[in-house]
Amino acid sequence: MNPNKDQTDPRVIRTRILIKEAFIELLTEMDIEKMSVSRIAERATISRVTFYLHYRDIPDMLEKMADEMIKEIEEALRGKPVNPDSREGADWLRLEKLLEHIAQHASFYKVTLASRKAPIFTERLLSMLTEIITERYDHVEKDSFTYKAGIQKDIAVWHRSSALIGTIVSWLRQDMPYTPHFLAKQFYLLTSRKQDTNF
């Protein structure tokens, strides 16, 4: 048996897309606590039995959707930086790629990140951003502002990751008034100081 069959079977993929779309639609109409498997199944035009072939319950569905979101973001972040020898170029490009991905899937992210109705998605994204930024801070130069000012790494990471997720959420709530390129550049200019990490 092929362990990846569920990930490649068109029928499985199609059904999960229907469930995801139904969930997003319902989340615009009600709080997640009021949602039921029956409502999701009905909106997705599938049976409850079919839902349970994919997810144990709604919390399991949320976990798997959040996992899928992180996987898609990681795939979007892959690729060569504009200038592989420049950390600034690499950081800026990664942030721009993240914002481009969010913009391409705006209907999903506006509901899951900007509405506060499903905190698991914001928490999972914040965790991912924190990991990336922590890794970048491990390589902060001794002539950087953070190092010279004696700022603790964990405090710097909290500040940067909170600023980034807050900027993304506000951008979504304002219906993305700036392009991913412009917002990435603005965020970079706001947060870069003498070779400190950005993203």
C-alpha atoms as a PDB file:
ATOM      1  CA  MET A   1       0.000   0.000   0.000  1.00  0.00           C
ATOM      2  CA  ASN A   2       1.321   3.418  -0.942  1.00  0.00           C
ATOM      3  CA  PRO A   3       1.451   5.646   2.200  1.00  0.00           C
ATOM      4  CA  ASN A   4       1.183   8.730   0.012  1.00  0.00           C
ATOM      5  CA  LYS A   5      -1.976   7.545  -1.756  1.00  0.00           C
ATOM      6  CA  ASP A   6      -4.255   9.804   0.307  1.00  0.00           C
ATOM      7  CA  GLN A   7      -2.104  12.785  -0.658  1.00  0.00           C
ATOM      8  CA  THR A   8      -2.258  12.049  -4.382  1.00  0.00           C
ATOM      9  CA  ASP A   9      -5.694  10.482  -4.932  1.00  0.00           C
ATOM     10  CA  PRO A  10      -7.710  13.164  -6.821  1.00  0.00           C
ATOM     11  CA  ARG A  11     -10.923  12.129  -5.050  1.00  0.00           C
ATOM     12  CA  VAL A  12      -9.325  12.572  -1.632  1.00  0.00           C
ATOM     13  CA  ILE A  13      -7.850  15.916  -2.611  1.00  0.00           C
ATOM     14  CA  ARG A  14     -11.172  17.087  -4.048  1.00  0.00           C
ATOM     15  CA  THR A  15     -13.108  16.086  -0.936  1.00  0.00           C
ATOM     16  CA  ARG A  16     -10.652  17.843   1.377  1.00  0.00           C
ATOM     17  CA  ILE A  17     -10.888  20.979  -0.737  1.00  0.00           C
ATOM     18  CA  LEU A  18     -14.689  20.858  -0.439  1.00  0.00           C
ATOM     19  CA  ILE A  19     -14.438  20.442   3.342  1.00  0.00           C
ATOM     20  CA  LYS A  20     -11.917  23.279   3.616  1.00  0.00           C
ATOM     21  CA  GLU A  21     -14.063  25.622   1.514  1.00  0.00           C
ATOM     22  CA  ALA A  22     -17.142  24.721   3.542  1.00  0.00           C
ATOM     23  CA  PHE A  23     -15.272  25.372   6.784  1.00  0.00           C
ATOM     24  CA  ILE A  24     -14.052  28.783   5.568  1.00  0.00           C
ATOM     25  CA  GLU A  25     -17.570  29.777   4.455  1.00  0.00           C
ATOM     26  CA  LEU A  26     -19.089  28.729   7.770  1.00  0.00           C
ATOM     27  CA  LEU A  27     -16.367  30.513   9.724  1.00  0.00           C
ATOM     28  CA  THR A  28     -17.436  33.787   8.099  1.00  0.00           C
ATOM     29  CA  GLU A  29     -20.960  33.137   9.377  1.00  0.00           C
ATOM     30  CA  MET A  30     -20.482  31.770  12.884  1.00  0.00           C
ATOM     31  CA  ASP A  31     -18.048  31.104  15.706  1.00  0.00           C
ATOM     32  CA  ILE A  32     -16.190  27.828  15.527  1.00  0.00           C
ATOM     33  CA  GLU A  33     -17.889  26.610  18.738  1.00  0.00           C
ATOM     34  CA  LYS A  34     -21.236  26.672  16.914  1.00  0.00           C
ATOM     35  CA  MET A  35     -19.937  24.673  13.993  1.00  0.00           C
ATOM     36  CA  SER A  36     -20.814  20.997  13.685  1.00  0.00           C
ATOM     37  CA  VAL A  37     -19.694  18.130  11.484  1.00  0.00           C
ATOM     38  CA  SER A  38     -23.217  17.988  10.069  1.00  0.00           C
ATOM     39  CA  ARG A  39     -23.100  21.635   9.031  1.00  0.00           C
ATOM     40  CA  ILE A  40     -19.677  21.272   7.446  1.00  0.00           C
ATOM     41  CA  ALA A  41     -20.709  18.110   5.604  1.00  0.00           C
ATOM     42  CA  GLU A  42     -23.937  19.686   4.373  1.00  0.00           C
ATOM     43  CA  ARG A  43     -22.124  22.806   3.127  1.00  0.00           C
ATOM     44  CA  ALA A  44     -19.457  20.650   1.470  1.00  0.00           C
ATOM     45  CA  THR A  45     -22.185  18.524  -0.177  1.00  0.00           C
ATOM     46  CA  ILE A  46     -20.783  15.340   1.332  1.00  0.00           C
ATOM     47  CA  SER A  47     -22.075  12.903   3.944  1.00  0.00           C
ATOM     48  CA  ARG A  48     -21.011  12.838   7.587  1.00  0.00           C
ATOM     49  CA  VAL A  49     -19.510   9.411   6.896  1.00  0.00           C
ATOM     50  CA  THR A  50     -17.300  10.931   4.196  1.00  0.00           C
ATOM     51  CA  PHE A  51     -16.163  13.657   6.606  1.00  0.00           C
ATOM     52  CA  TYR A  52     -15.161  11.012   9.145  1.00  0.00           C
ATOM     53  CA  LEU A  53     -13.125   9.192   6.506  1.00  0.00           C
ATOM     54  CA  HIS A  54     -10.857  12.257   6.475  1.00  0.00           C
ATOM     55  CA  TYR A  55     -11.010  13.672  10.005  1.00  0.00           C
ATOM     56  CA  ARG A  56     -11.835  12.279  13.458  1.00  0.00           C
ATOM     57  CA  ASP A  57     -13.663  15.455  14.463  1.00  0.00           C
ATOM     58  CA  ILE A  58     -13.492  19.233  14.066  1.00  0.00           C
ATOM     59  CA  PRO A  59     -10.376  19.683  16.284  1.00  0.00           C
ATOM     60  CA  ASP A  60      -8.588  17.043  14.182  1.00  0.00           C
ATOM     61  CA  MET A  61      -9.681  18.867  11.024  1.00  0.00           C
ATOM     62  CA  LEU A  62      -8.276  22.138  12.400  1.00  0.00           C
ATOM     63  CA  GLU A  63      -4.970  20.486  13.315  1.00  0.00           C
ATOM     64  CA  LYS A  64      -4.597  18.955   9.869  1.00  0.00           C
ATOM     65  CA  MET A  65      -5.562  22.191   8.101  1.00  0.00           C
ATOM     66  CA  ALA A  66      -3.030  24.104  10.210  1.00  0.00           C
ATOM     67  CA  ASP A  67      -0.373  21.500   9.355  1.00  0.00           C
ATOM     68  CA  GLU A  68      -1.253  21.877   5.690  1.00  0.00           C
ATOM     69  CA  MET A  69      -1.028  25.672   5.965  1.00  0.00           C
ATOM     70  CA  ILE A  70       2.486  25.494   7.426  1.00  0.00           C
ATOM     71  CA  LYS A  71       3.561  22.995   4.766  1.00  0.00           C
ATOM     72  CA  GLU A  72       2.296  25.296   2.007  1.00  0.00           C
ATOM     73  CA  ILE A  73       4.080  28.292   3.550  1.00  0.00           C
ATOM     74  CA  GLU A  74       7.322  26.323   3.833  1.00  0.00           C
ATOM     75  CA  GLU A  75       7.032  25.391   0.157  1.00  0.00           C
ATOM     76  CA  ALA A  76       6.376  29.035  -0.747  1.00  0.00           C
ATOM     77  CA  LEU A  77       9.487  30.123   1.157  1.00  0.00           C
ATOM     78  CA  ARG A  78      11.785  27.754  -0.701  1.00  0.00           C
ATOM     79  CA  GLY A  79      13.964  29.063  -3.498  1.00  0.00           C
ATOM     80  CA  LYS A  80      17.107  31.021  -4.125  1.00  0.00           C
ATOM     81  CA  PRO A  81      17.421  34.549  -2.733  1.00  0.00           C
ATOM     82  CA  VAL A  82      17.973  37.456  -5.093  1.00  0.00           C
ATOM     83  CA  ASN A  83      21.543  37.695  -3.842  1.00  0.00           C
ATOM     84  CA  PRO A  84      22.654  34.476  -2.106  1.00  0.00           C
ATOM     85  CA  ASP A  85      25.607  36.328  -0.552  1.00  0.00           C
ATOM     86  CA  SER A  86      23.390  38.943   1.058  1.00  0.00           C
ATOM     87  CA  ARG A  87      21.511  38.109   4.236  1.00  0.00           C
ATOM     88  CA  GLU A  88      19.395  41.213   3.767  1.00  0.00           C
ATOM     89  CA  GLY A  89      18.412  40.112   0.270  1.00  0.00           C
ATOM     90  CA  ALA A  90      17.544  36.628   1.505  1.00  0.00           C
ATOM     91  CA  ASP A  91      15.496  37.936   4.447  1.00  0.00           C
ATOM     92  CA  TRP A  92      13.587  40.435   2.341  1.00  0.00           C
ATOM     93  CA  LEU A  93      12.827  37.869  -0.364  1.00  0.00           C
ATOM     94  CA  ARG A  94      11.570  35.315   2.160  1.00  0.00           C
ATOM     95  CA  LEU A  95       9.225  37.874   3.669  1.00  0.00           C
ATOM     96  CA  GLU A  96       8.003  38.913   0.229  1.00  0.00           C
ATOM     97  CA  LYS A  97       7.384  35.260  -0.694  1.00  0.00           C
ATOM     98  CA  LEU A  98       5.416  34.754   2.523  1.00  0.00           C
ATOM     99  CA  LEU A  99       3.257  37.807   1.823  1.00  0.00           C
ATOM    100  CA  GLU A 100       2.741  36.767  -1.809  1.00  0.00           C
ATOM    101  CA  HIS A 101       1.558  33.349  -0.652  1.00  0.00           C
ATOM    102  CA  ILE A 102      -0.866  34.933   1.825  1.00  0.00           C
ATOM    103  CA  ALA A 103      -2.173  37.319  -0.852  1.00  0.00           C
ATOM    104  CA  GLN A 104      -2.743  34.423  -3.281  1.00  0.00           C
ATOM    105  CA  HIS A 105      -4.838  32.639  -0.640  1.00  0.00           C
ATOM    106  CA  ALA A 106      -6.383  35.757   0.871  1.00  0.00           C
ATOM    107  CA  SER A 107      -9.870  34.307   1.341  1.00  0.00           C
ATOM    108  CA  PHE A 108      -8.427  31.587   3.602  1.00  0.00           C
ATOM    109  CA  TYR A 109      -6.068  33.831   5.568  1.00  0.00           C
ATOM    110  CA  LYS A 110      -8.570  36.664   6.053  1.00  0.00           C
ATOM    111  CA  VAL A 111     -10.850  34.250   7.880  1.00  0.00           C
ATOM    112  CA  THR A 112      -8.271  32.151   9.721  1.00  0.00           C
ATOM    113  CA  LEU A 113      -5.759  34.835  10.716  1.00  0.00           C
ATOM    114  CA  ALA A 114      -7.620  38.130  10.694  1.00  0.00           C
ATOM    115  CA  SER A 115     -10.939  37.100  12.287  1.00  0.00           C
ATOM    116  CA  ARG A 116      -9.668  35.691  15.618  1.00  0.00           C
ATOM    117  CA  LYS A 117     -12.232  32.891  15.242  1.00  0.00           C
ATOM    118  CA  ALA A 118      -9.685  30.091  14.781  1.00  0.00           C
ATOM    119  CA  PRO A 119      -6.611  30.945  16.893  1.00  0.00           C
ATOM    120  CA  ILE A 120      -4.862  27.685  16.021  1.00  0.00           C
ATOM    121  CA  PHE A 121      -3.821  29.125  12.644  1.00  0.00           C
ATOM    122  CA  THR A 122      -2.352  32.323  14.095  1.00  0.00           C
ATOM    123  CA  GLU A 123      -0.607  30.346  16.839  1.00  0.00           C
ATOM    124  CA  ARG A 124       0.869  27.890  14.351  1.00  0.00           C
ATOM    125  CA  LEU A 125       2.093  30.670  12.042  1.00  0.00           C
ATOM    126  CA  LEU A 126       3.545  32.605  14.993  1.00  0.00           C
ATOM    127  CA  SER A 127       5.371  29.470  16.119  1.00  0.00           C
ATOM    128  CA  MET A 128       6.825  29.001  12.659  1.00  0.00           C
ATOM    129  CA  LEU A 129       7.919  32.645  12.377  1.00  0.00           C
ATOM    130  CA  THR A 130       9.469  32.469  15.848  1.00  0.00           C
ATOM    131  CA  GLU A 131      11.521  29.425  14.817  1.00  0.00           C
ATOM    132  CA  ILE A 132      12.761  31.148  11.659  1.00  0.00           C
ATOM    133  CA  ILE A 133      13.642  34.374  13.475  1.00  0.00           C
ATOM    134  CA  THR A 134      15.329  32.490  16.343  1.00  0.00           C
ATOM    135  CA  GLU A 135      17.484  30.679  13.820  1.00  0.00           C
ATOM    136  CA  ARG A 136      18.443  34.000  12.214  1.00  0.00           C
ATOM    137  CA  TYR A 137      19.315  35.523  15.600  1.00  0.00           C
ATOM    138  CA  ASP A 138      21.727  32.665  16.241  1.00  0.00           C
ATOM    139  CA  HIS A 139      23.905  34.260  13.554  1.00  0.00           C
ATOM    140  CA  VAL A 140      23.634  37.920  14.585  1.00  0.00           C
ATOM    141  CA  GLU A 141      26.993  39.674  14.198  1.00  0.00           C
ATOM    142  CA  LYS A 142      28.821  41.194  17.170  1.00  0.00           C
ATOM    143  CA  ASP A 143      28.661  44.625  15.533  1.00  0.00           C
ATOM    144  CA  SER A 144      24.853  44.456  15.271  1.00  0.00           C
ATOM    145  CA  PHE A 145      22.597  46.810  17.206  1.00  0.00           C
ATOM    146  CA  THR A 146      21.030  43.955  19.193  1.00  0.00           C
ATOM    147  CA  TYR A 147      24.383  42.596  20.328  1.00  0.00           C
ATOM    148  CA  LYS A 148      25.881  45.991  21.185  1.00  0.00           C
ATOM    149  CA  ALA A 149      22.772  47.112  23.063  1.00  0.00           C
ATOM    150  CA  GLY A 150      22.808  43.961  25.193  1.00  0.00           C
ATOM    151  CA  ILE A 151      19.299  42.943  24.146  1.00  0.00           C
ATOM    152  CA  GLN A 152      18.481  39.384  25.160  1.00  0.00           C
ATOM    153  CA  LYS A 153      17.895  37.061  22.222  1.00  0.00           C
ATOM    154  CA  ASP A 154      14.544  35.777  23.463  1.00  0.00           C
ATOM    155  CA  ILE A 155      13.227  39.340  23.945  1.00  0.00           C
ATOM    156  CA  ALA A 156      14.437  40.324  20.472  1.00  0.00           C
ATOM    157  CA  VAL A 157      12.744  37.236  18.979  1.00  0.00           C
ATOM    158  CA  TRP A 158       9.471  37.936  20.812  1.00  0.00           C
ATOM    159  CA  HIS A 159       9.512  41.512  19.561  1.00  0.00           C
ATOM    160  CA  ARG A 160      10.303  40.677  15.944  1.00  0.00           C
ATOM    161  CA  SER A 161       7.906  37.739  15.589  1.00  0.00           C
ATOM    162  CA  SER A 162       5.051  39.649  17.299  1.00  0.00           C
ATOM    163  CA  ALA A 163       5.676  42.681  15.084  1.00  0.00           C
ATOM    164  CA  LEU A 164       5.633  40.516  11.973  1.00  0.00           C
ATOM    165  CA  ILE A 165       2.472  38.567  12.754  1.00  0.00           C
ATOM    166  CA  GLY A 166       0.767  41.788  13.900  1.00  0.00           C
ATOM    167  CA  THR A 167       1.698  43.475  10.622  1.00  0.00           C
ATOM    168  CA  ILE A 168       0.380  40.537   8.584  1.00  0.00           C
ATOM    169  CA  VAL A 169      -2.917  40.411  10.495  1.00  0.00           C
ATOM    170  CA  SER A 170      -3.438  44.185  10.220  1.00  0.00           C
ATOM    171  CA  TRP A 171      -2.619  44.048   6.503  1.00  0.00           C
ATOM    172  CA  LEU A 172      -5.291  41.374   6.016  1.00  0.00           C
ATOM    173  CA  ARG A 173      -7.861  43.237   8.109  1.00  0.00           C
ATOM    174  CA  GLN A 174      -7.316  46.358   6.005  1.00  0.00           C
ATOM    175  CA  ASP A 175      -7.925  44.299   2.841  1.00  0.00           C
ATOM    176  CA  MET A 176      -4.230  44.282   1.863  1.00  0.00           C
ATOM    177  CA  PRO A 177      -3.833  47.945   0.781  1.00  0.00           C
ATOM    178  CA  TYR A 178      -0.148  47.406  -0.087  1.00  0.00           C
ATOM    179  CA  THR A 179       1.516  44.919  -2.405  1.00  0.00           C
ATOM    180  CA  PRO A 180       3.571  42.103  -0.849  1.00  0.00           C
ATOM    181  CA  HIS A 181       6.713  43.686  -2.329  1.00  0.00           C
ATOM    182  CA  PHE A 182       6.000  47.120  -0.840  1.00  0.00           C
ATOM    183  CA  LEU A 183       4.987  45.772   2.570  1.00  0.00           C
ATOM    184  CA  ALA A 184       8.049  43.508   2.746  1.00  0.00           C
ATOM    185  CA  LYS A 185      10.313  46.462   1.968  1.00  0.00           C
ATOM    186  CA  GLN A 186       8.579  48.709   4.506  1.00  0.00           C
ATOM    187  CA  PHE A 187       8.800  46.058   7.226  1.00  0.00           C
ATOM    188  CA  TYR A 188      12.465  45.509   6.396  1.00  0.00           C
ATOM    189  CA  LEU A 189      13.227  49.230   6.617  1.00  0.00           C
ATOM    190  CA  LEU A 190      11.394  49.506   9.930  1.00  0.00           C
ATOM    191  CA  THR A 191      13.133  46.589  11.575  1.00  0.00           C
ATOM    192  CA  SER A 192      16.629  46.465  10.089  1.00  0.00           C
ATOM    193  CA  ARG A 193      19.436  47.929  12.131  1.00  0.00           C
ATOM    194  CA  LYS A 194      23.083  47.382  11.333  1.00  0.00           C
ATOM    195  CA  GLN A 195      22.874  43.830  10.064  1.00  0.00           C
ATOM    196  CA  ASP A 196      20.324  42.652  12.624  1.00  0.00           C
ATOM    197  CA  THR A 197      18.169  39.798  11.467  1.00  0.00           C
ATOM    198  CA  ASN A 198      14.913  40.652   9.763  1.00  0.00           C
ATOM    199  CA  PHE A 199      13.023  37.502   8.972  1.00  0.00           C
END
